[in-house]
Amino acid sequence: METITKEVDARGLNCPLPILKAKKALADVKSGELLRIICTDPGSVRDFQAFARQTKNELVEQTESGDEFIHVLRRR
């Protein structure tokens, strides 16, 4: 797995806050770098799929670990 450049802890936050935090964090990473977002909102799975489509950032992976949903985005 490639190196994660930045990580966002969005645990306990519900839509749209994890997306807004991710959007802000993506502004701090360079093109091609990876951003990991950790959420507890099950709706974030769909939200990040839609977010990646709309913003053309690549959704590299989505995993579920216990009650956490982990999303990795590559900045376009």
PDB file of N, CA and C in Angstrom:
ATOM      1  N   MET A   1       0.847  -1.203   0.000  1.00  0.00           N
ATOM      2  CA  MET A   1       0.000   0.000   0.000  1.00  0.00           C
ATOM      3  C   MET A   1       0.880   1.251   0.000  1.00  0.00           C
ATOM      4  N   GLU A   2       0.429   2.227  -0.713  1.00  0.00           N
ATOM      5  CA  GLU A   2       1.163   3.484  -0.792  1.00  0.00           C
ATOM      6  C   GLU A   2       1.044   4.253   0.520  1.00  0.00           C
ATOM      7  N   THR A   3       1.898   5.237   0.668  1.00  0.00           N
ATOM      8  CA  THR A   3       1.921   6.047   1.882  1.00  0.00           C
ATOM      9  C   THR A   3       0.740   7.019   1.907  1.00  0.00           C
ATOM     10  N   ILE A   4       0.092   7.073   3.052  1.00  0.00           N
ATOM     11  CA  ILE A   4      -1.000   8.039   3.256  1.00  0.00           C
ATOM     12  C   ILE A   4      -0.350   9.375   3.622  1.00  0.00           C
ATOM     13  N   THR A   5      -0.703  10.413   2.886  1.00  0.00           N
ATOM     14  CA  THR A   5      -0.124  11.732   3.128  1.00  0.00           C
ATOM     15  C   THR A   5      -0.793  12.424   4.309  1.00  0.00           C
ATOM     16  N   LYS A   6      -2.099  12.290   4.390  1.00  0.00           N
ATOM     17  CA  LYS A   6      -2.855  12.997   5.433  1.00  0.00           C
ATOM     18  C   LYS A   6      -4.015  12.123   5.872  1.00  0.00           C
ATOM     19  N   GLU A   7      -4.383  12.248   7.148  1.00  0.00           N
ATOM     20  CA  GLU A   7      -5.498  11.467   7.668  1.00  0.00           C
ATOM     21  C   GLU A   7      -6.490  12.398   8.345  1.00  0.00           C
ATOM     22  N   VAL A   8      -7.765  12.120   8.121  1.00  0.00           N
ATOM     23  CA  VAL A   8      -8.840  12.914   8.731  1.00  0.00           C
ATOM     24  C   VAL A   8      -9.644  11.999   9.646  1.00  0.00           C
ATOM     25  N   ASP A   9      -9.805  12.421  10.891  1.00  0.00           N
ATOM     26  CA  ASP A   9     -10.631  11.672  11.836  1.00  0.00           C
ATOM     27  C   ASP A   9     -12.018  12.293  11.841  1.00  0.00           C
ATOM     28  N   ALA A  10     -12.969  11.604  11.213  1.00  0.00           N
ATOM     29  CA  ALA A  10     -14.341  12.115  11.142  1.00  0.00           C
ATOM     30  C   ALA A  10     -15.269  11.221  11.955  1.00  0.00           C
ATOM     31  N   ARG A  11     -14.688  10.508  12.945  1.00  0.00           N
ATOM     32  CA  ARG A  11     -15.511   9.632  13.791  1.00  0.00           C
ATOM     33  C   ARG A  11     -16.512  10.464  14.577  1.00  0.00           C
ATOM     34  N   GLY A  12     -17.739   9.966  14.635  1.00  0.00           N
ATOM     35  CA  GLY A  12     -18.784  10.662  15.390  1.00  0.00           C
ATOM     36  C   GLY A  12     -19.489  11.751  14.596  1.00  0.00           C
ATOM     37  N   LEU A  13     -19.012  12.016  13.395  1.00  0.00           N
ATOM     38  CA  LEU A  13     -19.639  13.056  12.565  1.00  0.00           C
ATOM     39  C   LEU A  13     -20.567  12.417  11.544  1.00  0.00           C
ATOM     40  N   ASN A  14     -21.680  13.070  11.290  1.00  0.00           N
ATOM     41  CA  ASN A  14     -22.613  12.572  10.284  1.00  0.00           C
ATOM     42  C   ASN A  14     -22.577  13.465   9.054  1.00  0.00           C
ATOM     43  N   CYS A  15     -23.082  12.915   7.952  1.00  0.00           N
ATOM     44  CA  CYS A  15     -23.159  13.610   6.675  1.00  0.00           C
ATOM     45  C   CYS A  15     -23.755  15.000   6.907  1.00  0.00           C
ATOM     46  N   PRO A  16     -23.225  16.017   6.303  1.00  0.00           N
ATOM     47  CA  PRO A  16     -22.154  16.055   5.299  1.00  0.00           C
ATOM     48  C   PRO A  16     -20.773  16.360   5.875  1.00  0.00           C
ATOM     49  N   LEU A  17     -20.625  16.341   7.202  1.00  0.00           N
ATOM     50  CA  LEU A  17     -19.362  16.776   7.806  1.00  0.00           C
ATOM     51  C   LEU A  17     -18.129  15.973   7.374  1.00  0.00           C
ATOM     52  N   PRO A  18     -18.188  14.629   7.290  1.00  0.00           N
ATOM     53  CA  PRO A  18     -16.983  13.910   6.830  1.00  0.00           C
ATOM     54  C   PRO A  18     -16.546  14.338   5.424  1.00  0.00           C
ATOM     55  N   ILE A  19     -17.512  14.580   4.544  1.00  0.00           N
ATOM     56  CA  ILE A  19     -17.206  15.027   3.182  1.00  0.00           C
ATOM     57  C   ILE A  19     -16.582  16.421   3.210  1.00  0.00           C
ATOM     58  N   LEU A  20     -17.137  17.307   4.030  1.00  0.00           N
ATOM     59  CA  LEU A  20     -16.608  18.673   4.115  1.00  0.00           C
ATOM     60  C   LEU A  20     -15.183  18.662   4.657  1.00  0.00           C
ATOM     61  N   LYS A  21     -14.927  17.825   5.676  1.00  0.00           N
ATOM     62  CA  LYS A  21     -13.577  17.712   6.237  1.00  0.00           C
ATOM     63  C   LYS A  21     -12.616  17.137   5.191  1.00  0.00           C
ATOM     64  N   ALA A  22     -13.082  16.171   4.419  1.00  0.00           N
ATOM     65  CA  ALA A  22     -12.249  15.559   3.376  1.00  0.00           C
ATOM     66  C   ALA A  22     -11.916  16.592   2.296  1.00  0.00           C
ATOM     67  N   LYS A  23     -12.916  17.380   1.923  1.00  0.00           N
ATOM     68  CA  LYS A  23     -12.734  18.396   0.894  1.00  0.00           C
ATOM     69  C   LYS A  23     -11.649  19.395   1.317  1.00  0.00           C
ATOM     70  N   LYS A  24     -11.734  19.815   2.584  1.00  0.00           N
ATOM     71  CA  LYS A  24     -10.769  20.763   3.137  1.00  0.00           C
ATOM     72  C   LYS A  24      -9.369  20.134   3.166  1.00  0.00           C
ATOM     73  N   ALA A  25      -9.282  18.870   3.583  1.00  0.00           N
ATOM     74  CA  ALA A  25      -7.990  18.185   3.677  1.00  0.00           C
ATOM     75  C   ALA A  25      -7.374  17.948   2.302  1.00  0.00           C
ATOM     76  N   LEU A  26      -8.216  17.682   1.300  1.00  0.00           N
ATOM     77  CA  LEU A  26      -7.706  17.463  -0.058  1.00  0.00           C
ATOM     78  C   LEU A  26      -6.995  18.711  -0.592  1.00  0.00           C
ATOM     79  N   ALA A  27      -7.417  19.870  -0.117  1.00  0.00           N
ATOM     80  CA  ALA A  27      -6.788  21.118  -0.544  1.00  0.00           C
ATOM     81  C   ALA A  27      -5.341  21.199  -0.038  1.00  0.00           C
ATOM     82  N   ASP A  28      -5.033  20.434   1.022  1.00  0.00           N
ATOM     83  CA  ASP A  28      -3.685  20.458   1.621  1.00  0.00           C
ATOM     84  C   ASP A  28      -2.747  19.393   1.055  1.00  0.00           C
ATOM     85  N   VAL A  29      -3.259  18.505   0.211  1.00  0.00           N
ATOM     86  CA  VAL A  29      -2.394  17.463  -0.347  1.00  0.00           C
ATOM     87  C   VAL A  29      -2.169  17.711  -1.840  1.00  0.00           C
ATOM     88  N   LYS A  30      -1.025  17.246  -2.319  1.00  0.00           N
ATOM     89  CA  LYS A  30      -0.671  17.457  -3.731  1.00  0.00           C
ATOM     90  C   LYS A  30      -1.360  16.414  -4.605  1.00  0.00           C
ATOM     91  N   SER A  31      -1.425  16.698  -5.877  1.00  0.00           N
ATOM     92  CA  SER A  31      -1.996  15.776  -6.850  1.00  0.00           C
ATOM     93  C   SER A  31      -1.281  14.420  -6.768  1.00  0.00           C
ATOM     94  N   GLY A  32      -2.066  13.342  -6.723  1.00  0.00           N
ATOM     95  CA  GLY A  32      -1.497  11.994  -6.654  1.00  0.00           C
ATOM     96  C   GLY A  32      -1.297  11.472  -5.242  1.00  0.00           C
ATOM     97  N   GLU A  33      -1.356  12.350  -4.245  1.00  0.00           N
ATOM     98  CA  GLU A  33      -1.168  11.916  -2.854  1.00  0.00           C
ATOM     99  C   GLU A  33      -2.464  11.330  -2.290  1.00  0.00           C
ATOM    100  N   LEU A  34      -2.311  10.560  -1.217  1.00  0.00           N
ATOM    101  CA  LEU A  34      -3.453   9.851  -0.635  1.00  0.00           C
ATOM    102  C   LEU A  34      -3.944  10.496   0.655  1.00  0.00           C
ATOM    103  N   LEU A  35      -5.265  10.505   0.799  1.00  0.00           N
ATOM    104  CA  LEU A  35      -5.937  11.014   1.993  1.00  0.00           C
ATOM    105  C   LEU A  35      -6.789   9.887   2.562  1.00  0.00           C
ATOM    106  N   ARG A  36      -6.632   9.609   3.854  1.00  0.00           N
ATOM    107  CA  ARG A  36      -7.462   8.592   4.513  1.00  0.00           C
ATOM    108  C   ARG A  36      -8.447   9.301   5.423  1.00  0.00           C
ATOM    109  N   ILE A  37      -9.712   8.899   5.331  1.00  0.00           N
ATOM    110  CA  ILE A  37     -10.768   9.468   6.173  1.00  0.00           C
ATOM    111  C   ILE A  37     -11.382   8.330   6.971  1.00  0.00           C
ATOM    112  N   ILE A  38     -11.421   8.498   8.287  1.00  0.00           N
ATOM    113  CA  ILE A  38     -12.010   7.475   9.166  1.00  0.00           C
ATOM    114  C   ILE A  38     -13.344   8.005   9.676  1.00  0.00           C
ATOM    115  N   CYS A  39     -14.415   7.249   9.394  1.00  0.00           N
ATOM    116  CA  CYS A  39     -15.777   7.679   9.742  1.00  0.00           C
ATOM    117  C   CYS A  39     -16.477   6.594  10.564  1.00  0.00           C
ATOM    118  N   THR A  40     -17.540   7.003  11.246  1.00  0.00           N
ATOM    119  CA  THR A  40     -18.397   6.030  11.923  1.00  0.00           C
ATOM    120  C   THR A  40     -19.796   6.042  11.314  1.00  0.00           C
ATOM    121  N   ASP A  41     -20.031   6.934  10.357  1.00  0.00           N
ATOM    122  CA  ASP A  41     -21.337   7.047   9.710  1.00  0.00           C
ATOM    123  C   ASP A  41     -21.428   6.042   8.557  1.00  0.00           C
ATOM    124  N   PRO A  42     -22.323   5.028   8.673  1.00  0.00           N
ATOM    125  CA  PRO A  42     -22.454   4.027   7.604  1.00  0.00           C
ATOM    126  C   PRO A  42     -22.807   4.655   6.252  1.00  0.00           C
ATOM    127  N   GLY A  43     -23.484   5.787   6.272  1.00  0.00           N
ATOM    128  CA  GLY A  43     -23.851   6.486   5.046  1.00  0.00           C
ATOM    129  C   GLY A  43     -22.645   7.045   4.306  1.00  0.00           C
ATOM    130  N   SER A  44     -21.508   7.119   4.999  1.00  0.00           N
ATOM    131  CA  SER A  44     -20.309   7.692   4.384  1.00  0.00           C
ATOM    132  C   SER A  44     -19.809   6.838   3.217  1.00  0.00           C
ATOM    133  N   VAL A  45     -20.142   5.543   3.205  1.00  0.00           N
ATOM    134  CA  VAL A  45     -19.709   4.659   2.116  1.00  0.00           C
ATOM    135  C   VAL A  45     -20.273   5.182   0.787  1.00  0.00           C
ATOM    136  N   ARG A  46     -21.575   5.378   0.748  1.00  0.00           N
ATOM    137  CA  ARG A  46     -22.227   5.926  -0.449  1.00  0.00           C
ATOM    138  C   ARG A  46     -21.771   7.361  -0.721  1.00  0.00           C
ATOM    139  N   ASP A  47     -21.676   8.145   0.350  1.00  0.00           N
ATOM    140  CA  ASP A  47     -21.298   9.556   0.211  1.00  0.00           C
ATOM    141  C   ASP A  47     -19.943   9.703  -0.472  1.00  0.00           C
ATOM    142  N   PHE A  48     -18.972   8.890  -0.060  1.00  0.00           N
ATOM    143  CA  PHE A  48     -17.629   9.029  -0.631  1.00  0.00           C
ATOM    144  C   PHE A  48     -17.555   8.490  -2.059  1.00  0.00           C
ATOM    145  N   GLN A  49     -18.391   7.518  -2.383  1.00  0.00           N
ATOM    146  CA  GLN A  49     -18.449   7.037  -3.763  1.00  0.00           C
ATOM    147  C   GLN A  49     -18.951   8.172  -4.664  1.00  0.00           C
ATOM    148  N   ALA A  50     -20.000   8.828  -4.221  1.00  0.00           N
ATOM    149  CA  ALA A  50     -20.571   9.944  -4.988  1.00  0.00           C
ATOM    150  C   ALA A  50     -19.596  11.120  -5.039  1.00  0.00           C
ATOM    151  N   PHE A  51     -18.947  11.412  -3.918  1.00  0.00           N
ATOM    152  CA  PHE A  51     -17.984  12.511  -3.839  1.00  0.00           C
ATOM    153  C   PHE A  51     -16.835  12.292  -4.823  1.00  0.00           C
ATOM    154  N   ALA A  52     -16.325  11.070  -4.878  1.00  0.00           N
ATOM    155  CA  ALA A  52     -15.217  10.745  -5.783  1.00  0.00           C
ATOM    156  C   ALA A  52     -15.642  10.927  -7.244  1.00  0.00           C
ATOM    157  N   ARG A  53     -16.854  10.461  -7.571  1.00  0.00           N
ATOM    158  CA  ARG A  53     -17.368  10.628  -8.938  1.00  0.00           C
ATOM    159  C   ARG A  53     -17.487  12.110  -9.304  1.00  0.00           C
ATOM    160  N   GLN A  54     -18.061  12.884  -8.391  1.00  0.00           N
ATOM    161  CA  GLN A  54     -18.320  14.297  -8.675  1.00  0.00           C
ATOM    162  C   GLN A  54     -17.042  15.118  -8.769  1.00  0.00           C
ATOM    163  N   THR A  55     -16.045  14.795  -7.941  1.00  0.00           N
ATOM    164  CA  THR A  55     -14.831  15.610  -7.875  1.00  0.00           C
ATOM    165  C   THR A  55     -13.712  15.048  -8.749  1.00  0.00           C
ATOM    166  N   LYS A  56     -13.912  13.847  -9.305  1.00  0.00           N
ATOM    167  CA  LYS A  56     -12.914  13.166 -10.139  1.00  0.00           C
ATOM    168  C   LYS A  56     -11.655  12.775  -9.352  1.00  0.00           C
ATOM    169  N   ASN A  57     -11.754  12.759  -8.015  1.00  0.00           N
ATOM    170  CA  ASN A  57     -10.675  12.204  -7.205  1.00  0.00           C
ATOM    171  C   ASN A  57     -10.900  10.696  -7.178  1.00  0.00           C
ATOM    172  N   GLU A  58      -9.816   9.923  -7.147  1.00  0.00           N
ATOM    173  CA  GLU A  58      -9.959   8.469  -7.196  1.00  0.00           C
ATOM    174  C   GLU A  58     -10.223   7.904  -5.804  1.00  0.00           C
ATOM    175  N   LEU A  59     -11.269   7.091  -5.691  1.00  0.00           N
ATOM    176  CA  LEU A  59     -11.549   6.387  -4.442  1.00  0.00           C
ATOM    177  C   LEU A  59     -10.731   5.095  -4.502  1.00  0.00           C
ATOM    178  N   VAL A  60      -9.596   5.089  -3.816  1.00  0.00           N
ATOM    179  CA  VAL A  60      -8.642   3.980  -3.911  1.00  0.00           C
ATOM    180  C   VAL A  60      -9.161   2.757  -3.173  1.00  0.00           C
ATOM    181  N   GLU A  61      -9.711   2.985  -1.973  1.00  0.00           N
ATOM    182  CA  GLU A  61     -10.292   1.852  -1.251  1.00  0.00           C
ATOM    183  C   GLU A  61     -11.278   2.308  -0.199  1.00  0.00           C
ATOM    184  N   GLN A  62     -12.175   1.384   0.139  1.00  0.00           N
ATOM    185  CA  GLN A  62     -13.129   1.581   1.236  1.00  0.00           C
ATOM    186  C   GLN A  62     -13.122   0.289   2.031  1.00  0.00           C
ATOM    187  N   THR A  63     -12.855   0.408   3.322  1.00  0.00           N
ATOM    188  CA  THR A  63     -12.869  -0.783   4.172  1.00  0.00           C
ATOM    189  C   THR A  63     -13.705  -0.501   5.404  1.00  0.00           C
ATOM    190  N   GLU A  64     -14.154  -1.582   5.999  1.00  0.00           N
ATOM    191  CA  GLU A  64     -14.964  -1.489   7.210  1.00  0.00           C
ATOM    192  C   GLU A  64     -14.223  -2.258   8.290  1.00  0.00           C
ATOM    193  N   SER A  65     -14.048  -1.625   9.440  1.00  0.00           N
ATOM    194  CA  SER A  65     -13.346  -2.267  10.547  1.00  0.00           C
ATOM    195  C   SER A  65     -14.158  -2.009  11.814  1.00  0.00           C
ATOM    196  N   GLY A  66     -14.869  -3.023  12.268  1.00  0.00           N
ATOM    197  CA  GLY A  66     -15.762  -2.822  13.418  1.00  0.00           C
ATOM    198  C   GLY A  66     -16.847  -1.833  13.039  1.00  0.00           C
ATOM    199  N   ASP A  67     -16.937  -0.736  13.804  1.00  0.00           N
ATOM    200  CA  ASP A  67     -17.955   0.277  13.490  1.00  0.00           C
ATOM    201  C   ASP A  67     -17.349   1.463  12.747  1.00  0.00           C
ATOM    202  N   GLU A  68     -16.148   1.254  12.185  1.00  0.00           N
ATOM    203  CA  GLU A  68     -15.490   2.332  11.457  1.00  0.00           C
ATOM    204  C   GLU A  68     -15.452   2.039   9.959  1.00  0.00           C
ATOM    205  N   PHE A  69     -15.581   3.100   9.197  1.00  0.00           N
ATOM    206  CA  PHE A  69     -15.533   3.018   7.738  1.00  0.00           C
ATOM    207  C   PHE A  69     -14.344   3.849   7.299  1.00  0.00           C
ATOM    208  N   ILE A  70     -13.420   3.218   6.577  1.00  0.00           N
ATOM    209  CA  ILE A  70     -12.190   3.893   6.186  1.00  0.00           C
ATOM    210  C   ILE A  70     -12.190   4.087   4.670  1.00  0.00           C
ATOM    211  N   HIS A  71     -11.979   5.320   4.279  1.00  0.00           N
ATOM    212  CA  HIS A  71     -11.995   5.692   2.864  1.00  0.00           C
ATOM    213  C   HIS A  71     -10.621   6.258   2.517  1.00  0.00           C
ATOM    214  N   VAL A  72     -10.089   5.844   1.377  1.00  0.00           N
ATOM    215  CA  VAL A  72      -8.819   6.398   0.912  1.00  0.00           C
ATOM    216  C   VAL A  72      -9.044   7.012  -0.459  1.00  0.00           C
ATOM    217  N   LEU A  73      -8.731   8.297  -0.549  1.00  0.00           N
ATOM    218  CA  LEU A  73      -8.885   9.052  -1.800  1.00  0.00           C
ATOM    219  C   LEU A  73      -7.522   9.466  -2.327  1.00  0.00           C
ATOM    220  N   ARG A  74      -7.354   9.411  -3.650  1.00  0.00           N
ATOM    221  CA  ARG A  74      -6.167   9.934  -4.287  1.00  0.00           C
ATOM    222  C   ARG A  74      -6.558  11.257  -4.944  1.00  0.00           C
ATOM    223  N   ARG A  75      -5.838  12.307  -4.592  1.00  0.00           N
ATOM    224  CA  ARG A  75      -6.148  13.621  -5.170  1.00  0.00           C
ATOM    225  C   ARG A  75      -5.820  13.621  -6.652  1.00  0.00           C
ATOM    226  N   ARG A  76      -6.725  14.163  -7.445  1.00  0.00           N
ATOM    227  CA  ARG A  76      -6.493  14.179  -8.898  1.00  0.00           C
ATOM    228  C   ARG A  76      -5.482  15.251  -9.260  1.00  0.00           C
TER     229      ARG A  76
END
